[in-house]
């Protein structure tokens, strides 16, 4: 969004698992990312940030000027945050809670602290993060089974012209980033890579980091293979 608005900015990547503490120390009231500090204001949440940036710098637009079209984009953005975004989050937190290999990968790749791979042996913190978003076996298995339906919803929004225009709007950025996150799971990529929604997300977000090793239960992936 900041790039689209042509606003100079600096990105700060917080250590996974330690971000709630870092945010509180930075003066933010909540413990979630994304978090933005701009003009003395501290704003958290992607939808809150999109509206603040639209007020601060009206062009290029993140929302259509037409009230009717804006309502459609806002509804899609809300679906992307409240429904779609939770799917990759639950899958990832289930993996970190249940697979020591993923915790070791996360520590080695993203937590440059002495002894981080040793600390990764314990699953206590990971399990707490998983419980916080309802990342149970049943929920994650259901998420995977419903992936094709979710991706078809993305394609429908593109066909209706709500997203996928020449310039990405707030809903584009909210939705495509979550689809791109799903595309990073090594188990899922071969099964969803050919979906038009994934191609669309790759166009908007071509540069993403590598995902975790493939450690989802094979039987959970069966609905995507059928």
C-alpha atoms as a PDB file:
ATOM      1  CA  UNK A   1       0.000   0.000   0.000  1.00  0.00           C
ATOM      2  CA  UNK A   2       2.836   2.383   0.847  1.00  0.00           C
ATOM      3  CA  UNK A   3       4.557   1.609  -2.434  1.00  0.00           C
ATOM      4  CA  UNK A   4       1.326   2.203  -4.322  1.00  0.00           C
ATOM      5  CA  UNK A   5       0.863   5.544  -2.570  1.00  0.00           C
ATOM      6  CA  UNK A   6       4.521   6.388  -3.343  1.00  0.00           C
ATOM      7  CA  UNK A   7       5.185   7.111   0.316  1.00  0.00           C
ATOM      8  CA  UNK A   8       8.793   6.729   1.410  1.00  0.00           C
ATOM      9  CA  UNK A   9       8.995   4.200   4.201  1.00  0.00           C
ATOM     10  CA  UNK A  10      11.202   1.765   6.082  1.00  0.00           C
ATOM     11  CA  UNK A  11      10.144  -1.834   6.730  1.00  0.00           C
ATOM     12  CA  UNK A  12      11.016  -3.387  10.084  1.00  0.00           C
ATOM     13  CA  UNK A  13      10.729  -7.177  10.260  1.00  0.00           C
ATOM     14  CA  UNK A  14      10.106  -8.390  13.809  1.00  0.00           C
ATOM     15  CA  UNK A  15      11.346 -11.723  15.153  1.00  0.00           C
ATOM     16  CA  UNK A  16       8.617 -14.389  14.924  1.00  0.00           C
ATOM     17  CA  UNK A  17       7.190 -15.151  18.333  1.00  0.00           C
ATOM     18  CA  UNK A  18       8.694 -12.032  19.871  1.00  0.00           C
ATOM     19  CA  UNK A  19       6.657  -9.479  17.920  1.00  0.00           C
ATOM     20  CA  UNK A  20       4.010  -8.823  20.625  1.00  0.00           C
ATOM     21  CA  UNK A  21       6.705  -7.682  23.049  1.00  0.00           C
ATOM     22  CA  UNK A  22       8.476  -5.608  20.393  1.00  0.00           C
ATOM     23  CA  UNK A  23       5.235  -3.836  19.481  1.00  0.00           C
ATOM     24  CA  UNK A  24       4.414  -2.985  23.071  1.00  0.00           C
ATOM     25  CA  UNK A  25       7.932  -1.658  23.591  1.00  0.00           C
ATOM     26  CA  UNK A  26       7.455   0.426  20.465  1.00  0.00           C
ATOM     27  CA  UNK A  27       4.374   2.103  21.918  1.00  0.00           C
ATOM     28  CA  UNK A  28       1.711   0.212  19.985  1.00  0.00           C
ATOM     29  CA  UNK A  29      -1.426  -0.632  21.984  1.00  0.00           C
ATOM     30  CA  UNK A  30      -1.973  -4.073  20.451  1.00  0.00           C
ATOM     31  CA  UNK A  31       0.188  -7.095  19.733  1.00  0.00           C
ATOM     32  CA  UNK A  32      -0.563  -7.763  16.055  1.00  0.00           C
ATOM     33  CA  UNK A  33       1.088  -6.898  12.761  1.00  0.00           C
ATOM     34  CA  UNK A  34       1.030  -5.169  10.349  1.00  0.00           C
ATOM     35  CA  UNK A  35       1.686  -2.055  12.392  1.00  0.00           C
ATOM     36  CA  UNK A  36       2.454   1.374  10.979  1.00  0.00           C
ATOM     37  CA  UNK A  37       3.936   4.485  12.560  1.00  0.00           C
ATOM     38  CA  UNK A  38       3.331   7.560  10.422  1.00  0.00           C
ATOM     39  CA  UNK A  39       3.111  11.276  11.240  1.00  0.00           C
ATOM     40  CA  UNK A  40       3.185  10.474  14.942  1.00  0.00           C
ATOM     41  CA  UNK A  41       0.296   8.009  14.665  1.00  0.00           C
ATOM     42  CA  UNK A  42       0.503   4.310  15.465  1.00  0.00           C
ATOM     43  CA  UNK A  43      -1.951   2.208  13.459  1.00  0.00           C
ATOM     44  CA  UNK A  44      -2.419  -1.561  13.545  1.00  0.00           C
ATOM     45  CA  UNK A  45      -4.332  -3.861  11.216  1.00  0.00           C
ATOM     46  CA  UNK A  46      -4.318  -3.894   7.426  1.00  0.00           C
ATOM     47  CA  UNK A  47      -7.828  -2.472   7.035  1.00  0.00           C
ATOM     48  CA  UNK A  48      -7.153   0.319   9.510  1.00  0.00           C
ATOM     49  CA  UNK A  49      -3.927   1.115   7.678  1.00  0.00           C
ATOM     50  CA  UNK A  50      -5.587   1.178   4.247  1.00  0.00           C
ATOM     51  CA  UNK A  51      -8.103   3.771   5.409  1.00  0.00           C
ATOM     52  CA  UNK A  52      -5.501   5.901   7.155  1.00  0.00           C
ATOM     53  CA  UNK A  53      -3.331   5.948   4.029  1.00  0.00           C
ATOM     54  CA  UNK A  54      -6.300   6.825   1.825  1.00  0.00           C
ATOM     55  CA  UNK A  55      -6.987   9.855   4.048  1.00  0.00           C
ATOM     56  CA  UNK A  56      -3.339  10.843   4.170  1.00  0.00           C
ATOM     57  CA  UNK A  57      -2.683  10.477   0.436  1.00  0.00           C
ATOM     58  CA  UNK A  58      -5.909  10.196  -1.612  1.00  0.00           C
ATOM     59  CA  UNK A  59      -4.131   9.262  -4.866  1.00  0.00           C
ATOM     60  CA  UNK A  60      -3.425   6.746  -6.226  1.00  0.00           C
ATOM     61  CA  UNK A  61      -6.684   5.374  -4.874  1.00  0.00           C
ATOM     62  CA  UNK A  62      -6.928   2.258  -2.711  1.00  0.00           C
ATOM     63  CA  UNK A  63     -10.732   2.483  -2.945  1.00  0.00           C
ATOM     64  CA  UNK A  64     -13.004   3.442  -5.878  1.00  0.00           C
ATOM     65  CA  UNK A  65     -14.610   6.873  -5.797  1.00  0.00           C
ATOM     66  CA  UNK A  66     -18.050   5.430  -6.585  1.00  0.00           C
ATOM     67  CA  UNK A  67     -19.846   4.613  -3.295  1.00  0.00           C
ATOM     68  CA  UNK A  68     -21.282   1.413  -4.760  1.00  0.00           C
ATOM     69  CA  UNK A  69     -17.956   0.153  -6.064  1.00  0.00           C
ATOM     70  CA  UNK A  70     -16.217   1.186  -2.852  1.00  0.00           C
ATOM     71  CA  UNK A  71     -18.691  -0.879  -0.849  1.00  0.00           C
ATOM     72  CA  UNK A  72     -17.841  -3.914  -2.998  1.00  0.00           C
ATOM     73  CA  UNK A  73     -14.111  -3.423  -2.507  1.00  0.00           C
ATOM     74  CA  UNK A  74     -14.544  -2.931   1.244  1.00  0.00           C
ATOM     75  CA  UNK A  75     -16.623  -6.115   1.481  1.00  0.00           C
ATOM     76  CA  UNK A  76     -13.953  -8.069  -0.425  1.00  0.00           C
ATOM     77  CA  UNK A  77     -11.206  -6.590   1.737  1.00  0.00           C
ATOM     78  CA  UNK A  78     -13.140  -7.589   4.869  1.00  0.00           C
ATOM     79  CA  UNK A  79     -13.592 -11.159   3.553  1.00  0.00           C
ATOM     80  CA  UNK A  80      -9.899 -11.316   2.800  1.00  0.00           C
ATOM     81  CA  UNK A  81      -9.011 -10.298   6.335  1.00  0.00           C
ATOM     82  CA  UNK A  82     -11.689 -12.128   8.316  1.00  0.00           C
ATOM     83  CA  UNK A  83     -11.899 -15.370   6.308  1.00  0.00           C
ATOM     84  CA  UNK A  84      -9.053 -15.947   3.852  1.00  0.00           C
ATOM     85  CA  UNK A  85      -6.181 -14.552   5.909  1.00  0.00           C
ATOM     86  CA  UNK A  86      -6.867 -16.949   8.766  1.00  0.00           C
ATOM     87  CA  UNK A  87      -6.223 -20.017   6.598  1.00  0.00           C
ATOM     88  CA  UNK A  88      -2.460 -19.674   5.994  1.00  0.00           C
ATOM     89  CA  UNK A  89      -2.074 -18.383   9.545  1.00  0.00           C
ATOM     90  CA  UNK A  90      -3.716 -21.475  11.046  1.00  0.00           C
ATOM     91  CA  UNK A  91      -1.789 -23.851   8.765  1.00  0.00           C
ATOM     92  CA  UNK A  92       1.535 -22.239   9.638  1.00  0.00           C
ATOM     93  CA  UNK A  93       0.902 -22.153  13.365  1.00  0.00           C
ATOM     94  CA  UNK A  94      -0.278 -25.778  13.314  1.00  0.00           C
ATOM     95  CA  UNK A  95       2.994 -26.729  11.633  1.00  0.00           C
ATOM     96  CA  UNK A  96       5.116 -24.840  14.149  1.00  0.00           C
ATOM     97  CA  UNK A  97       3.195 -26.364  17.053  1.00  0.00           C
ATOM     98  CA  UNK A  98       3.288 -29.940  15.772  1.00  0.00           C
ATOM     99  CA  UNK A  99       6.477 -30.271  13.741  1.00  0.00           C
ATOM    100  CA  UNK A 100       9.862 -29.689  15.402  1.00  0.00           C
ATOM    101  CA  UNK A 101      11.434 -29.610  11.915  1.00  0.00           C
ATOM    102  CA  UNK A 102       9.401 -26.483  11.116  1.00  0.00           C
ATOM    103  CA  UNK A 103      10.400 -24.838  14.396  1.00  0.00           C
ATOM    104  CA  UNK A 104      14.051 -25.559  13.618  1.00  0.00           C
ATOM    105  CA  UNK A 105      13.619 -24.180  10.086  1.00  0.00           C
ATOM    106  CA  UNK A 106      11.978 -21.041  11.464  1.00  0.00           C
ATOM    107  CA  UNK A 107      14.719 -20.547  14.037  1.00  0.00           C
ATOM    108  CA  UNK A 108      17.520 -21.094  11.510  1.00  0.00           C
ATOM    109  CA  UNK A 109      16.016 -18.883   8.800  1.00  0.00           C
ATOM    110  CA  UNK A 110      14.303 -16.091  10.723  1.00  0.00           C
ATOM    111  CA  UNK A 111      15.532 -15.942  14.338  1.00  0.00           C
ATOM    112  CA  UNK A 112      19.227 -15.004  14.192  1.00  0.00           C
ATOM    113  CA  UNK A 113      19.856 -15.480  17.905  1.00  0.00           C
ATOM    114  CA  UNK A 114      22.443 -17.716  19.581  1.00  0.00           C
ATOM    115  CA  UNK A 115      20.924 -21.061  20.525  1.00  0.00           C
ATOM    116  CA  UNK A 116      17.651 -20.417  18.700  1.00  0.00           C
ATOM    117  CA  UNK A 117      17.631 -23.893  17.124  1.00  0.00           C
ATOM    118  CA  UNK A 118      17.994 -25.441  20.581  1.00  0.00           C
ATOM    119  CA  UNK A 119      15.107 -23.359  21.890  1.00  0.00           C
ATOM    120  CA  UNK A 120      13.046 -24.609  18.938  1.00  0.00           C
ATOM    121  CA  UNK A 121      12.903 -28.065  20.516  1.00  0.00           C
ATOM    122  CA  UNK A 122      10.172 -26.876  22.869  1.00  0.00           C
ATOM    123  CA  UNK A 123       6.684 -26.462  21.433  1.00  0.00           C
ATOM    124  CA  UNK A 124       5.147 -24.553  24.368  1.00  0.00           C
ATOM    125  CA  UNK A 125       5.240 -21.103  22.775  1.00  0.00           C
ATOM    126  CA  UNK A 126       4.229 -22.446  19.363  1.00  0.00           C
ATOM    127  CA  UNK A 127       1.267 -24.298  20.849  1.00  0.00           C
ATOM    128  CA  UNK A 128       0.122 -21.132  22.617  1.00  0.00           C
ATOM    129  CA  UNK A 129       0.224 -19.205  19.330  1.00  0.00           C
ATOM    130  CA  UNK A 130      -1.673 -22.031  17.608  1.00  0.00           C
ATOM    131  CA  UNK A 131      -4.398 -22.072  20.257  1.00  0.00           C
ATOM    132  CA  UNK A 132      -4.769 -18.301  19.956  1.00  0.00           C
ATOM    133  CA  UNK A 133      -6.005 -18.655  16.345  1.00  0.00           C
ATOM    134  CA  UNK A 134      -7.852 -21.963  16.727  1.00  0.00           C
ATOM    135  CA  UNK A 135      -5.280 -23.971  14.767  1.00  0.00           C
ATOM    136  CA  UNK A 136      -6.571 -27.393  15.828  1.00  0.00           C
ATOM    137  CA  UNK A 137      -6.250 -30.577  13.763  1.00  0.00           C
ATOM    138  CA  UNK A 138      -9.902 -30.344  12.773  1.00  0.00           C
ATOM    139  CA  UNK A 139      -9.753 -26.667  11.805  1.00  0.00           C
ATOM    140  CA  UNK A 140      -6.626 -26.979   9.662  1.00  0.00           C
ATOM    141  CA  UNK A 141      -7.838 -30.136   7.939  1.00  0.00           C
ATOM    142  CA  UNK A 142     -11.092 -28.327   7.118  1.00  0.00           C
ATOM    143  CA  UNK A 143      -9.175 -25.278   5.869  1.00  0.00           C
ATOM    144  CA  UNK A 144      -7.221 -27.420   3.423  1.00  0.00           C
ATOM    145  CA  UNK A 145     -10.348 -29.228   2.235  1.00  0.00           C
ATOM    146  CA  UNK A 146     -12.005 -25.884   1.480  1.00  0.00           C
ATOM    147  CA  UNK A 147      -9.060 -24.311  -0.341  1.00  0.00           C
ATOM    148  CA  UNK A 148     -10.505 -24.803  -3.820  1.00  0.00           C
ATOM    149  CA  UNK A 149     -13.711 -23.069  -2.755  1.00  0.00           C
ATOM    150  CA  UNK A 150     -11.753 -20.120  -1.357  1.00  0.00           C
ATOM    151  CA  UNK A 151      -9.615 -19.806  -4.482  1.00  0.00           C
ATOM    152  CA  UNK A 152     -12.742 -19.942  -6.647  1.00  0.00           C
ATOM    153  CA  UNK A 153     -14.150 -17.038  -4.614  1.00  0.00           C
ATOM    154  CA  UNK A 154     -11.023 -15.041  -5.474  1.00  0.00           C
ATOM    155  CA  UNK A 155     -11.504 -15.808  -9.161  1.00  0.00           C
ATOM    156  CA  UNK A 156     -15.166 -14.749  -8.951  1.00  0.00           C
ATOM    157  CA  UNK A 157     -14.181 -11.409  -7.444  1.00  0.00           C
ATOM    158  CA  UNK A 158     -11.782 -10.890 -10.344  1.00  0.00           C
ATOM    159  CA  UNK A 159     -14.445 -11.797 -12.905  1.00  0.00           C
ATOM    160  CA  UNK A 160     -16.819  -9.297 -11.303  1.00  0.00           C
ATOM    161  CA  UNK A 161     -14.186  -6.564 -11.532  1.00  0.00           C
ATOM    162  CA  UNK A 162     -13.980  -6.048  -7.777  1.00  0.00           C
ATOM    163  CA  UNK A 163     -10.284  -6.966  -7.813  1.00  0.00           C
ATOM    164  CA  UNK A 164      -7.753  -7.502 -10.586  1.00  0.00           C
ATOM    165  CA  UNK A 165      -7.903  -4.030 -12.145  1.00  0.00           C
ATOM    166  CA  UNK A 166      -5.021  -2.129 -13.709  1.00  0.00           C
ATOM    167  CA  UNK A 167      -4.044  -0.619 -10.337  1.00  0.00           C
ATOM    168  CA  UNK A 168      -4.365  -2.835  -7.251  1.00  0.00           C
ATOM    169  CA  UNK A 169      -6.892  -1.656  -4.689  1.00  0.00           C
ATOM    170  CA  UNK A 170      -7.054  -2.409  -0.966  1.00  0.00           C
ATOM    171  CA  UNK A 171      -8.908  -5.686  -1.551  1.00  0.00           C
ATOM    172  CA  UNK A 172      -6.340  -6.819  -4.127  1.00  0.00           C
ATOM    173  CA  UNK A 173      -3.515  -6.370  -1.657  1.00  0.00           C
ATOM    174  CA  UNK A 174      -5.391  -7.974   1.223  1.00  0.00           C
ATOM    175  CA  UNK A 175      -6.496 -11.023  -0.773  1.00  0.00           C
ATOM    176  CA  UNK A 176      -3.507 -11.625  -3.042  1.00  0.00           C
ATOM    177  CA  UNK A 177      -1.049 -11.560  -0.141  1.00  0.00           C
ATOM    178  CA  UNK A 178      -2.962 -14.351   1.612  1.00  0.00           C
ATOM    179  CA  UNK A 179      -3.181 -16.433  -1.570  1.00  0.00           C
ATOM    180  CA  UNK A 180       0.556 -15.926  -2.078  1.00  0.00           C
ATOM    181  CA  UNK A 181       1.150 -17.099   1.497  1.00  0.00           C
ATOM    182  CA  UNK A 182      -0.782 -20.300   0.747  1.00  0.00           C
ATOM    183  CA  UNK A 183       1.386 -20.778  -2.326  1.00  0.00           C
ATOM    184  CA  UNK A 184       4.490 -20.898  -0.105  1.00  0.00           C
ATOM    185  CA  UNK A 185       3.524 -24.114   1.680  1.00  0.00           C
ATOM    186  CA  UNK A 186       5.626 -26.766  -0.011  1.00  0.00           C
ATOM    187  CA  UNK A 187       2.863 -29.357   0.451  1.00  0.00           C
ATOM    188  CA  UNK A 188       0.234 -27.157  -1.170  1.00  0.00           C
ATOM    189  CA  UNK A 189       2.107 -25.507  -4.043  1.00  0.00           C
ATOM    190  CA  UNK A 190       1.993 -28.479  -6.480  1.00  0.00           C
ATOM    191  CA  UNK A 191      -1.736 -28.849  -5.845  1.00  0.00           C
ATOM    192  CA  UNK A 192      -2.806 -25.215  -6.291  1.00  0.00           C
ATOM    193  CA  UNK A 193      -0.106 -23.719  -8.527  1.00  0.00           C
ATOM    194  CA  UNK A 194      -2.234 -23.941 -11.691  1.00  0.00           C
ATOM    195  CA  UNK A 195      -5.224 -22.141 -10.191  1.00  0.00           C
ATOM    196  CA  UNK A 196      -5.854 -18.698 -11.778  1.00  0.00           C
ATOM    197  CA  UNK A 197      -6.082 -17.133  -8.312  1.00  0.00           C
ATOM    198  CA  UNK A 198      -2.528 -18.249  -7.566  1.00  0.00           C
ATOM    199  CA  UNK A 199      -1.216 -16.860 -10.868  1.00  0.00           C
ATOM    200  CA  UNK A 200      -2.900 -13.557 -10.027  1.00  0.00           C
ATOM    201  CA  UNK A 201      -1.290 -13.476  -6.566  1.00  0.00           C
ATOM    202  CA  UNK A 202       2.144 -14.217  -8.007  1.00  0.00           C
ATOM    203  CA  UNK A 203       1.798 -11.270 -10.378  1.00  0.00           C
ATOM    204  CA  UNK A 204       1.073  -8.876  -7.526  1.00  0.00           C
ATOM    205  CA  UNK A 205       3.620 -10.384  -5.139  1.00  0.00           C
ATOM    206  CA  UNK A 206       6.428 -11.935  -7.212  1.00  0.00           C
ATOM    207  CA  UNK A 207       9.045 -11.791  -4.462  1.00  0.00           C
ATOM    208  CA  UNK A 208       8.200 -13.841  -1.388  1.00  0.00           C
ATOM    209  CA  UNK A 209      10.486 -15.775   0.977  1.00  0.00           C
ATOM    210  CA  UNK A 210      10.725 -19.556   0.875  1.00  0.00           C
ATOM    211  CA  UNK A 211       8.139 -21.498   2.854  1.00  0.00           C
ATOM    212  CA  UNK A 212       8.460 -24.252   5.469  1.00  0.00           C
ATOM    213  CA  UNK A 213       9.334 -27.880   4.695  1.00  0.00           C
ATOM    214  CA  UNK A 214       6.506 -30.221   3.541  1.00  0.00           C
ATOM    215  CA  UNK A 215       5.175 -31.794   6.726  1.00  0.00           C
ATOM    216  CA  UNK A 216       1.383 -31.679   6.490  1.00  0.00           C
ATOM    217  CA  UNK A 217      -0.355 -35.067   6.900  1.00  0.00           C
ATOM    218  CA  UNK A 218      -0.739 -36.571   3.385  1.00  0.00           C
ATOM    219  CA  UNK A 219      -4.339 -37.631   4.029  1.00  0.00           C
ATOM    220  CA  UNK A 220      -5.283 -33.989   4.683  1.00  0.00           C
ATOM    221  CA  UNK A 221      -4.235 -33.131   1.132  1.00  0.00           C
ATOM    222  CA  UNK A 222      -6.508 -35.728  -0.496  1.00  0.00           C
ATOM    223  CA  UNK A 223      -9.392 -33.253  -1.231  1.00  0.00           C
ATOM    224  CA  UNK A 224      -6.978 -31.105  -3.266  1.00  0.00           C
ATOM    225  CA  UNK A 225      -5.846 -34.103  -5.304  1.00  0.00           C
ATOM    226  CA  UNK A 226      -9.344 -35.280  -6.175  1.00  0.00           C
END
